[in-house]
Amino acid sequence: MSEEKKNEAQNDSANSKTKDTKQQATSTGKVEKKDKKSKKTAKEVETLKTQIGELNDKVDAITDQYIRSKAEIANIQKRNEKEQANLVKYDGQNLAKDILPVIDNLERALSIEVTDENGKQLKKGIQMVYDLMTKALKDNHVTEIESVGKPFDPHIQQAVQTVPAEKGQKADQVVRVLQKGYMLKDRVLRPAMVVVTQ
């Protein structure tokens, strides 16, 4: 019996070693599989991080482009509003420019001296037309540029002739207007043609 017990003990020991070896082999295989899976997962994570970074860069670029486009649209709208305001503000500029020579001719006609009654009646009619036209221009913000006795301003006046300064006159002072100048609000319609002292 003791021999049987010895054999049994040896078999148990051998079986135990075999089980341990199998368990080690199984656990080693599992560890190897886990290592392969973790390496594969690490690569996938790295790939996903790269893709996320690229997508974030694209989102940033698109956001930047959107912001720039929005700013450009706002600038276009402001420019358009300014142009519309100028159109309204200077509405009638071309008409006023075309009327100015008519005003000049009416002034020339009024400067002629008449002696007979028919001439006086005609001059009175011209004066009435002149008064109505100048009132219409003033009502539409067209004003005459005051020049005589003032310093020469090249923005609103055009020097046609120069004369020596007399006593009491300063250099670059307007002494005579050859053709009246006009402004529409703050814009020059026609500069005044003037004679300036030296």
Foldseek 3Di string as FASTA:
>chain_A
DVVVVVVVVVVVVVVVVVVVVVVVVVVVVVVVVVVVVVVVVVVVVVVVVVVVVVVVVVVVVVVVVVVVVVVVVVVVVVVVVVVVVVCVQCPCLVVVLVCQVVLVVLVVLLVDDDDDPVSVVVSVVSVVVNVVVVVVCVVQQKDWDDAAQAADDPQQADEPEEDADDPPDDFRGFHAWPGIWIARNPHTSGHTYTYTYD
